[in-house]
Amino acid sequence: MNGSLSSMPNVGPVLEDLLKRAGVESPEALRAIGSREAWLRIRGIDPSACLHMLQALEGAVRGVPKKDLPDPKIGRVREFFEERRKGGEG
């Protein structure tokens, strides 16, 4: 166990609170379930969960600021978000 969720890139107090409310208590737990599952859990309690949050989670899992995600990864994250936005929960 190494640090709190807010010690991860892109995770501030609000996102940390949402993650904890969604049952993700640690950086290890977030890495284990991945950004998509974490985002879906957050969306279950906060329907306003947005693409920027999903990108922030992906960056956190990878240990980089979301602006440093590689373009192909950003594209796949965006596709996942668009599919969920159009098709409901999944």
PDB file of N, CA and C in Angstrom:
ATOM      1  N   MET A   1       0.849  -1.176   0.000  1.00  0.00           N
ATOM      2  CA  MET A   1       0.000   0.000   0.000  1.00  0.00           C
ATOM      3  C   MET A   1       0.891   1.234   0.000  1.00  0.00           C
ATOM      4  N   ASN A   2       0.666   2.057  -1.006  1.00  0.00           N
ATOM      5  CA  ASN A   2       1.579   3.168  -1.171  1.00  0.00           C
ATOM      6  C   ASN A   2       0.796   4.449  -1.437  1.00  0.00           C
ATOM      7  N   GLY A   3       0.482   5.197  -0.388  1.00  0.00           N
ATOM      8  CA  GLY A   3      -0.149   6.498  -0.557  1.00  0.00           C
ATOM      9  C   GLY A   3      -1.652   6.444  -0.688  1.00  0.00           C
ATOM     10  N   SER A   4      -2.184   7.635  -0.820  1.00  0.00           N
ATOM     11  CA  SER A   4      -3.628   7.777  -0.958  1.00  0.00           C
ATOM     12  C   SER A   4      -3.991   7.958  -2.420  1.00  0.00           C
ATOM     13  N   LEU A   5      -5.258   7.870  -2.715  1.00  0.00           N
ATOM     14  CA  LEU A   5      -5.712   8.095  -4.083  1.00  0.00           C
ATOM     15  C   LEU A   5      -5.294   9.471  -4.582  1.00  0.00           C
ATOM     16  N   SER A   6      -5.352  10.470  -3.707  1.00  0.00           N
ATOM     17  CA  SER A   6      -5.016  11.822  -4.137  1.00  0.00           C
ATOM     18  C   SER A   6      -3.519  12.006  -4.401  1.00  0.00           C
ATOM     19  N   SER A   7      -2.707  10.998  -4.085  1.00  0.00           N
ATOM     20  CA  SER A   7      -1.286  11.073  -4.429  1.00  0.00           C
ATOM     21  C   SER A   7      -1.049  10.676  -5.884  1.00  0.00           C
ATOM     22  N   MET A   8      -2.082  10.166  -6.533  1.00  0.00           N
ATOM     23  CA  MET A   8      -1.962   9.753  -7.931  1.00  0.00           C
ATOM     24  C   MET A   8      -2.159  10.962  -8.846  1.00  0.00           C
ATOM     25  N   PRO A   9      -1.541  10.939 -10.030  1.00  0.00           N
ATOM     26  CA  PRO A   9      -1.769  12.031 -10.975  1.00  0.00           C
ATOM     27  C   PRO A   9      -3.263  12.170 -11.289  1.00  0.00           C
ATOM     28  N   ASN A  10      -3.714  13.387 -11.422  1.00  0.00           N
ATOM     29  CA  ASN A  10      -5.089  13.712 -11.837  1.00  0.00           C
ATOM     30  C   ASN A  10      -6.158  13.497 -10.775  1.00  0.00           C
ATOM     31  N   VAL A  11      -5.807  12.992  -9.608  1.00  0.00           N
ATOM     32  CA  VAL A  11      -6.813  12.684  -8.585  1.00  0.00           C
ATOM     33  C   VAL A  11      -6.744  13.740  -7.490  1.00  0.00           C
ATOM     34  N   GLY A  12      -7.734  14.623  -7.511  1.00  0.00           N
ATOM     35  CA  GLY A  12      -7.867  15.624  -6.465  1.00  0.00           C
ATOM     36  C   GLY A  12      -8.896  15.168  -5.448  1.00  0.00           C
ATOM     37  N   PRO A  13      -9.243  16.039  -4.525  1.00  0.00           N
ATOM     38  CA  PRO A  13     -10.164  15.665  -3.450  1.00  0.00           C
ATOM     39  C   PRO A  13     -11.546  15.221  -3.939  1.00  0.00           C
ATOM     40  N   VAL A  14     -12.067  15.865  -4.971  1.00  0.00           N
ATOM     41  CA  VAL A  14     -13.409  15.510  -5.450  1.00  0.00           C
ATOM     42  C   VAL A  14     -13.406  14.120  -6.072  1.00  0.00           C
ATOM     43  N   LEU A  15     -12.434  13.863  -6.950  1.00  0.00           N
ATOM     44  CA  LEU A  15     -12.364  12.544  -7.581  1.00  0.00           C
ATOM     45  C   LEU A  15     -12.046  11.468  -6.550  1.00  0.00           C
ATOM     46  N   GLU A  16     -11.188  11.788  -5.594  1.00  0.00           N
ATOM     47  CA  GLU A  16     -10.885  10.826  -4.536  1.00  0.00           C
ATOM     48  C   GLU A  16     -12.159  10.460  -3.764  1.00  0.00           C
ATOM     49  N   ASP A  17     -12.961  11.457  -3.445  1.00  0.00           N
ATOM     50  CA  ASP A  17     -14.213  11.196  -2.734  1.00  0.00           C
ATOM     51  C   ASP A  17     -15.143  10.328  -3.564  1.00  0.00           C
ATOM     52  N   LEU A  18     -15.266  10.627  -4.851  1.00  0.00           N
ATOM     53  CA  LEU A  18     -16.126   9.823  -5.724  1.00  0.00           C
ATOM     54  C   LEU A  18     -15.615   8.389  -5.815  1.00  0.00           C
ATOM     55  N   LEU A  19     -14.320   8.225  -5.944  1.00  0.00           N
ATOM     56  CA  LEU A  19     -13.761   6.873  -5.995  1.00  0.00           C
ATOM     57  C   LEU A  19     -14.074   6.100  -4.720  1.00  0.00           C
ATOM     58  N   LYS A  20     -13.877   6.728  -3.583  1.00  0.00           N
ATOM     59  CA  LYS A  20     -14.165   6.052  -2.314  1.00  0.00           C
ATOM     60  C   LYS A  20     -15.647   5.703  -2.196  1.00  0.00           C
ATOM     61  N   ARG A  21     -16.507   6.630  -2.597  1.00  0.00           N
ATOM     62  CA  ARG A  21     -17.951   6.346  -2.568  1.00  0.00           C
ATOM     63  C   ARG A  21     -18.317   5.199  -3.507  1.00  0.00           C
ATOM     64  N   ALA A  22     -17.496   5.009  -4.559  1.00  0.00           N
ATOM     65  CA  ALA A  22     -17.727   3.923  -5.515  1.00  0.00           C
ATOM     66  C   ALA A  22     -17.034   2.626  -5.099  1.00  0.00           C
ATOM     67  N   GLY A  23     -16.410   2.632  -3.916  1.00  0.00           N
ATOM     68  CA  GLY A  23     -15.796   1.417  -3.396  1.00  0.00           C
ATOM     69  C   GLY A  23     -14.345   1.218  -3.779  1.00  0.00           C
ATOM     70  N   VAL A  24     -13.713   2.261  -4.316  1.00  0.00           N
ATOM     71  CA  VAL A  24     -12.300   2.177  -4.686  1.00  0.00           C
ATOM     72  C   VAL A  24     -11.520   2.949  -3.627  1.00  0.00           C
ATOM     73  N   GLU A  25     -10.829   2.231  -2.760  1.00  0.00           N
ATOM     74  CA  GLU A  25     -10.244   2.832  -1.566  1.00  0.00           C
ATOM     75  C   GLU A  25      -8.765   3.169  -1.657  1.00  0.00           C
ATOM     76  N   SER A  26      -8.070   2.675  -2.682  1.00  0.00           N
ATOM     77  CA  SER A  26      -6.616   2.855  -2.718  1.00  0.00           C
ATOM     78  C   SER A  26      -6.118   2.904  -4.160  1.00  0.00           C
ATOM     79  N   PRO A  27      -4.894   3.404  -4.339  1.00  0.00           N
ATOM     80  CA  PRO A  27      -4.299   3.357  -5.681  1.00  0.00           C
ATOM     81  C   PRO A  27      -4.228   1.928  -6.231  1.00  0.00           C
ATOM     82  N   GLU A  28      -3.904   0.991  -5.370  1.00  0.00           N
ATOM     83  CA  GLU A  28      -3.825  -0.405  -5.806  1.00  0.00           C
ATOM     84  C   GLU A  28      -5.175  -0.900  -6.314  1.00  0.00           C
ATOM     85  N   ALA A  29      -6.240  -0.525  -5.607  1.00  0.00           N
ATOM     86  CA  ALA A  29      -7.580  -0.940  -6.026  1.00  0.00           C
ATOM     87  C   ALA A  29      -7.940  -0.317  -7.374  1.00  0.00           C
ATOM     88  N   LEU A  30      -7.576   0.940  -7.566  1.00  0.00           N
ATOM     89  CA  LEU A  30      -7.859   1.598  -8.836  1.00  0.00           C
ATOM     90  C   LEU A  30      -7.094   0.926  -9.967  1.00  0.00           C
ATOM     91  N   ARG A  31      -5.830   0.651  -9.753  1.00  0.00           N
ATOM     92  CA  ARG A  31      -5.044  -0.021 -10.790  1.00  0.00           C
ATOM     93  C   ARG A  31      -5.603  -1.411 -11.096  1.00  0.00           C
ATOM     94  N   ALA A  32      -6.088  -2.092 -10.067  1.00  0.00           N
ATOM     95  CA  ALA A  32      -6.601  -3.453 -10.249  1.00  0.00           C
ATOM     96  C   ALA A  32      -7.866  -3.482 -11.102  1.00  0.00           C
ATOM     97  N   ILE A  33      -8.759  -2.512 -10.910  1.00  0.00           N
ATOM     98  CA  ILE A  33     -10.018  -2.543 -11.675  1.00  0.00           C
ATOM     99  C   ILE A  33      -9.918  -1.757 -12.978  1.00  0.00           C
ATOM    100  N   GLY A  34      -8.976  -0.831 -13.046  1.00  0.00           N
ATOM    101  CA  GLY A  34      -8.800  -0.058 -14.266  1.00  0.00           C
ATOM    102  C   GLY A  34      -9.696   1.165 -14.335  1.00  0.00           C
ATOM    103  N   SER A  35      -9.352   2.034 -15.257  1.00  0.00           N
ATOM    104  CA  SER A  35     -10.054   3.316 -15.378  1.00  0.00           C
ATOM    105  C   SER A  35     -11.502   3.156 -15.805  1.00  0.00           C
ATOM    106  N   ARG A  36     -11.756   2.249 -16.720  1.00  0.00           N
ATOM    107  CA  ARG A  36     -13.122   2.111 -17.251  1.00  0.00           C
ATOM    108  C   ARG A  36     -14.092   1.619 -16.184  1.00  0.00           C
ATOM    109  N   GLU A  37     -13.693   0.573 -15.473  1.00  0.00           N
ATOM    110  CA  GLU A  37     -14.567   0.056 -14.416  1.00  0.00           C
ATOM    111  C   GLU A  37     -14.752   1.098 -13.313  1.00  0.00           C
ATOM    112  N   ALA A  38     -13.689   1.794 -12.953  1.00  0.00           N
ATOM    113  CA  ALA A  38     -13.807   2.834 -11.931  1.00  0.00           C
ATOM    114  C   ALA A  38     -14.767   3.919 -12.394  1.00  0.00           C
ATOM    115  N   TRP A  39     -14.655   4.341 -13.657  1.00  0.00           N
ATOM    116  CA  TRP A  39     -15.536   5.373 -14.201  1.00  0.00           C
ATOM    117  C   TRP A  39     -16.988   4.899 -14.220  1.00  0.00           C
ATOM    118  N   LEU A  40     -17.211   3.654 -14.607  1.00  0.00           N
ATOM    119  CA  LEU A  40     -18.580   3.121 -14.609  1.00  0.00           C
ATOM    120  C   LEU A  40     -19.161   3.108 -13.199  1.00  0.00           C
ATOM    121  N   ARG A  41     -18.362   2.756 -12.222  1.00  0.00           N
ATOM    122  CA  ARG A  41     -18.834   2.759 -10.825  1.00  0.00           C
ATOM    123  C   ARG A  41     -19.161   4.189 -10.383  1.00  0.00           C
ATOM    124  N   ILE A  42     -18.301   5.128 -10.734  1.00  0.00           N
ATOM    125  CA  ILE A  42     -18.574   6.530 -10.383  1.00  0.00           C
ATOM    126  C   ILE A  42     -19.836   7.000 -11.090  1.00  0.00           C
ATOM    127  N   ARG A  43     -19.972   6.650 -12.344  1.00  0.00           N
ATOM    128  CA  ARG A  43     -21.162   7.057 -13.103  1.00  0.00           C
ATOM    129  C   ARG A  43     -22.439   6.515 -12.466  1.00  0.00           C
ATOM    130  N   GLY A  44     -22.328   5.361 -11.824  1.00  0.00           N
ATOM    131  CA  GLY A  44     -23.474   4.791 -11.133  1.00  0.00           C
ATOM    132  C   GLY A  44     -23.953   5.655  -9.974  1.00  0.00           C
ATOM    133  N   ILE A  45     -23.061   6.432  -9.379  1.00  0.00           N
ATOM    134  CA  ILE A  45     -23.459   7.310  -8.267  1.00  0.00           C
ATOM    135  C   ILE A  45     -23.507   8.777  -8.687  1.00  0.00           C
ATOM    136  N   ASP A  46     -22.858   9.094  -9.824  1.00  0.00           N
ATOM    137  CA  ASP A  46     -22.841  10.470 -10.325  1.00  0.00           C
ATOM    138  C   ASP A  46     -22.992  10.438 -11.842  1.00  0.00           C
ATOM    139  N   PRO A  47     -24.229  10.525 -12.341  1.00  0.00           N
ATOM    140  CA  PRO A  47     -24.465  10.424 -13.785  1.00  0.00           C
ATOM    141  C   PRO A  47     -23.784  11.519 -14.607  1.00  0.00           C
ATOM    142  N   SER A  48     -23.260  12.551 -13.959  1.00  0.00           N
ATOM    143  CA  SER A  48     -22.580  13.608 -14.706  1.00  0.00           C
ATOM    144  C   SER A  48     -21.107  13.274 -14.979  1.00  0.00           C
ATOM    145  N   ALA A  49     -20.656  12.073 -14.594  1.00  0.00           N
ATOM    146  CA  ALA A  49     -19.263  11.674 -14.851  1.00  0.00           C
ATOM    147  C   ALA A  49     -18.958  11.860 -16.335  1.00  0.00           C
ATOM    148  N   CYS A  50     -17.887  12.597 -16.640  1.00  0.00           N
ATOM    149  CA  CYS A  50     -17.621  13.044 -18.004  1.00  0.00           C
ATOM    150  C   CYS A  50     -16.369  12.397 -18.597  1.00  0.00           C
ATOM    151  N   LEU A  51     -16.131  12.717 -19.856  1.00  0.00           N
ATOM    152  CA  LEU A  51     -14.960  12.212 -20.561  1.00  0.00           C
ATOM    153  C   LEU A  51     -13.671  12.649 -19.874  1.00  0.00           C
ATOM    154  N   HIS A  52     -13.620  13.883 -19.398  1.00  0.00           N
ATOM    155  CA  HIS A  52     -12.410  14.369 -18.736  1.00  0.00           C
ATOM    156  C   HIS A  52     -12.101  13.547 -17.482  1.00  0.00           C
ATOM    157  N   MET A  53     -13.141  13.131 -16.779  1.00  0.00           N
ATOM    158  CA  MET A  53     -12.937  12.293 -15.598  1.00  0.00           C
ATOM    159  C   MET A  53     -12.383  10.932 -16.005  1.00  0.00           C
ATOM    160  N   LEU A  54     -12.931  10.365 -17.061  1.00  0.00           N
ATOM    161  CA  LEU A  54     -12.436   9.083 -17.548  1.00  0.00           C
ATOM    162  C   LEU A  54     -10.975   9.191 -17.973  1.00  0.00           C
ATOM    163  N   GLN A  55     -10.635  10.267 -18.661  1.00  0.00           N
ATOM    164  CA  GLN A  55      -9.238  10.478 -19.057  1.00  0.00           C
ATOM    165  C   GLN A  55      -8.342  10.664 -17.832  1.00  0.00           C
ATOM    166  N   ALA A  56      -8.837  11.376 -16.847  1.00  0.00           N
ATOM    167  CA  ALA A  56      -8.069  11.562 -15.613  1.00  0.00           C
ATOM    168  C   ALA A  56      -7.815  10.213 -14.936  1.00  0.00           C
ATOM    169  N   LEU A  57      -8.823   9.370 -14.906  1.00  0.00           N
ATOM    170  CA  LEU A  57      -8.666   8.046 -14.303  1.00  0.00           C
ATOM    171  C   LEU A  57      -7.666   7.206 -15.082  1.00  0.00           C
ATOM    172  N   GLU A  58      -7.735   7.266 -16.407  1.00  0.00           N
ATOM    173  CA  GLU A  58      -6.775   6.515 -17.231  1.00  0.00           C
ATOM    174  C   GLU A  58      -5.352   6.991 -16.957  1.00  0.00           C
ATOM    175  N   GLY A  59      -5.170   8.288 -16.861  1.00  0.00           N
ATOM    176  CA  GLY A  59      -3.851   8.815 -16.538  1.00  0.00           C
ATOM    177  C   GLY A  59      -3.392   8.371 -15.158  1.00  0.00           C
ATOM    178  N   ALA A  60      -4.299   8.383 -14.205  1.00  0.00           N
ATOM    179  CA  ALA A  60      -3.956   7.960 -12.845  1.00  0.00           C
ATOM    180  C   ALA A  60      -3.486   6.504 -12.838  1.00  0.00           C
ATOM    181  N   VAL A  61      -4.211   5.658 -13.538  1.00  0.00           N
ATOM    182  CA  VAL A  61      -3.840   4.243 -13.603  1.00  0.00           C
ATOM    183  C   VAL A  61      -2.457   4.080 -14.232  1.00  0.00           C
ATOM    184  N   ARG A  62      -2.161   4.898 -15.242  1.00  0.00           N
ATOM    185  CA  ARG A  62      -0.875   4.816 -15.941  1.00  0.00           C
ATOM    186  C   ARG A  62       0.219   5.619 -15.244  1.00  0.00           C
ATOM    187  N   GLY A  63      -0.168   6.454 -14.262  1.00  0.00           N
ATOM    188  CA  GLY A  63       0.821   7.236 -13.524  1.00  0.00           C
ATOM    189  C   GLY A  63       1.292   8.481 -14.256  1.00  0.00           C
ATOM    190  N   VAL A  64       0.436   9.019 -15.146  1.00  0.00           N
ATOM    191  CA  VAL A  64       0.807  10.205 -15.919  1.00  0.00           C
ATOM    192  C   VAL A  64      -0.326  11.235 -15.893  1.00  0.00           C
ATOM    193  N   PRO A  65       0.005  12.515 -16.070  1.00  0.00           N
ATOM    194  CA  PRO A  65      -1.053  13.513 -16.233  1.00  0.00           C
ATOM    195  C   PRO A  65      -1.883  13.183 -17.474  1.00  0.00           C
ATOM    196  N   LYS A  66      -3.175  13.459 -17.424  1.00  0.00           N
ATOM    197  CA  LYS A  66      -4.034  13.077 -18.547  1.00  0.00           C
ATOM    198  C   LYS A  66      -3.589  13.704 -19.855  1.00  0.00           C
ATOM    199  N   LYS A  67      -2.966  14.872 -19.798  1.00  0.00           N
ATOM    200  CA  LYS A  67      -2.490  15.524 -21.023  1.00  0.00           C
ATOM    201  C   LYS A  67      -1.349  14.745 -21.669  1.00  0.00           C
ATOM    202  N   ASP A  68      -0.723  13.845 -20.930  1.00  0.00           N
ATOM    203  CA  ASP A  68       0.398  13.057 -21.450  1.00  0.00           C
ATOM    204  C   ASP A  68      -0.010  11.672 -21.950  1.00  0.00           C
ATOM    205  N   LEU A  69      -1.316  11.383 -21.955  1.00  0.00           N
ATOM    206  CA  LEU A  69      -1.758  10.104 -22.506  1.00  0.00           C
ATOM    207  C   LEU A  69      -1.458  10.083 -24.002  1.00  0.00           C
ATOM    208  N   PRO A  70      -1.004   8.941 -24.535  1.00  0.00           N
ATOM    209  CA  PRO A  70      -0.735   8.870 -25.969  1.00  0.00           C
ATOM    210  C   PRO A  70      -2.030   9.001 -26.782  1.00  0.00           C
ATOM    211  N   ASP A  71      -1.922   9.616 -27.948  1.00  0.00           N
ATOM    212  CA  ASP A  71      -3.102   9.854 -28.781  1.00  0.00           C
ATOM    213  C   ASP A  71      -3.942   8.603 -29.046  1.00  0.00           C
ATOM    214  N   PRO A  72      -3.315   7.455 -29.376  1.00  0.00           N
ATOM    215  CA  PRO A  72      -4.153   6.264 -29.609  1.00  0.00           C
ATOM    216  C   PRO A  72      -4.974   5.878 -28.373  1.00  0.00           C
ATOM    217  N   LYS A  73      -4.381   6.037 -27.201  1.00  0.00           N
ATOM    218  CA  LYS A  73      -5.098   5.701 -25.958  1.00  0.00           C
ATOM    219  C   LYS A  73      -6.244   6.676 -25.738  1.00  0.00           C
ATOM    220  N   ILE A  74      -5.997   7.956 -25.993  1.00  0.00           N
ATOM    221  CA  ILE A  74      -7.058   8.951 -25.850  1.00  0.00           C
ATOM    222  C   ILE A  74      -8.217   8.597 -26.770  1.00  0.00           C
ATOM    223  N   GLY A  75      -7.904   8.171 -27.985  1.00  0.00           N
ATOM    224  CA  GLY A  75      -8.949   7.781 -28.930  1.00  0.00           C
ATOM    225  C   GLY A  75      -9.775   6.613 -28.419  1.00  0.00           C
ATOM    226  N   ARG A  76      -9.115   5.606 -27.855  1.00  0.00           N
ATOM    227  CA  ARG A  76      -9.855   4.444 -27.338  1.00  0.00           C
ATOM    228  C   ARG A  76     -10.706   4.820 -26.130  1.00  0.00           C
ATOM    229  N   VAL A  77     -10.176   5.677 -25.279  1.00  0.00           N
ATOM    230  CA  VAL A  77     -10.940   6.138 -24.113  1.00  0.00           C
ATOM    231  C   VAL A  77     -12.171   6.912 -24.584  1.00  0.00           C
ATOM    232  N   ARG A  78     -11.979   7.775 -25.585  1.00  0.00           N
ATOM    233  CA  ARG A  78     -13.100   8.553 -26.128  1.00  0.00           C
ATOM    234  C   ARG A  78     -14.170   7.633 -26.743  1.00  0.00           C
ATOM    235  N   GLU A  79     -13.729   6.610 -27.475  1.00  0.00           N
ATOM    236  CA  GLU A  79     -14.679   5.650 -28.064  1.00  0.00           C
ATOM    237  C   GLU A  79     -15.495   4.962 -26.968  1.00  0.00           C
ATOM    238  N   PHE A  80     -14.828   4.522 -25.935  1.00  0.00           N
ATOM    239  CA  PHE A  80     -15.519   3.879 -24.812  1.00  0.00           C
ATOM    240  C   PHE A  80     -16.559   4.829 -24.219  1.00  0.00           C
ATOM    241  N   PHE A  81     -16.157   6.076 -24.000  1.00  0.00           N
ATOM    242  CA  PHE A  81     -17.072   7.077 -23.438  1.00  0.00           C
ATOM    243  C   PHE A  81     -18.280   7.288 -24.360  1.00  0.00           C
ATOM    244  N   GLU A  82     -18.027   7.458 -25.650  1.00  0.00           N
ATOM    245  CA  GLU A  82     -19.115   7.708 -26.605  1.00  0.00           C
ATOM    246  C   GLU A  82     -20.086   6.536 -26.673  1.00  0.00           C
ATOM    247  N   GLU A  83     -19.561   5.310 -26.634  1.00  0.00           N
ATOM    248  CA  GLU A  83     -20.421   4.125 -26.647  1.00  0.00           C
ATOM    249  C   GLU A  83     -21.341   4.126 -25.422  1.00  0.00           C
ATOM    250  N   ARG A  84     -20.800   4.468 -24.256  1.00  0.00           N
ATOM    251  CA  ARG A  84     -21.601   4.482 -23.035  1.00  0.00           C
ATOM    252  C   ARG A  84     -22.595   5.644 -23.043  1.00  0.00           C
ATOM    253  N   ARG A  85     -22.200   6.756 -23.608  1.00  0.00           N
ATOM    254  CA  ARG A  85     -23.079   7.928 -23.641  1.00  0.00           C
ATOM    255  C   ARG A  85     -24.279   7.656 -24.554  1.00  0.00           C
ATOM    256  N   LYS A  86     -24.041   7.007 -25.679  1.00  0.00           N
ATOM    257  CA  LYS A  86     -25.119   6.742 -26.640  1.00  0.00           C
ATOM    258  C   LYS A  86     -25.971   5.551 -26.212  1.00  0.00           C
ATOM    259  N   GLY A  87     -25.294   4.532 -25.657  1.00  0.00           N
ATOM    260  CA  GLY A  87     -25.986   3.277 -25.419  1.00  0.00           C
ATOM    261  C   GLY A  87     -26.381   3.005 -23.992  1.00  0.00           C
ATOM    262  N   GLY A  88     -26.324   3.987 -23.144  1.00  0.00           N
ATOM    263  CA  GLY A  88     -26.675   3.743 -21.751  1.00  0.00           C
ATOM    264  C   GLY A  88     -25.518   3.181 -20.978  1.00  0.00           C
ATOM    265  N   GLU A  89     -25.794   2.507 -19.909  1.00  0.00           N
ATOM    266  CA  GLU A  89     -24.779   2.055 -18.963  1.00  0.00           C
ATOM    267  C   GLU A  89     -23.834   1.024 -19.549  1.00  0.00           C
ATOM    268  N   GLY A  90     -24.258   0.295 -20.547  1.00  0.00           N
ATOM    269  CA  GLY A  90     -23.241  -0.537 -21.112  1.00  0.00           C
ATOM    270  C   GLY A  90     -23.656  -1.899 -21.472  1.00  0.00           C
TER     271      GLY A  90
END
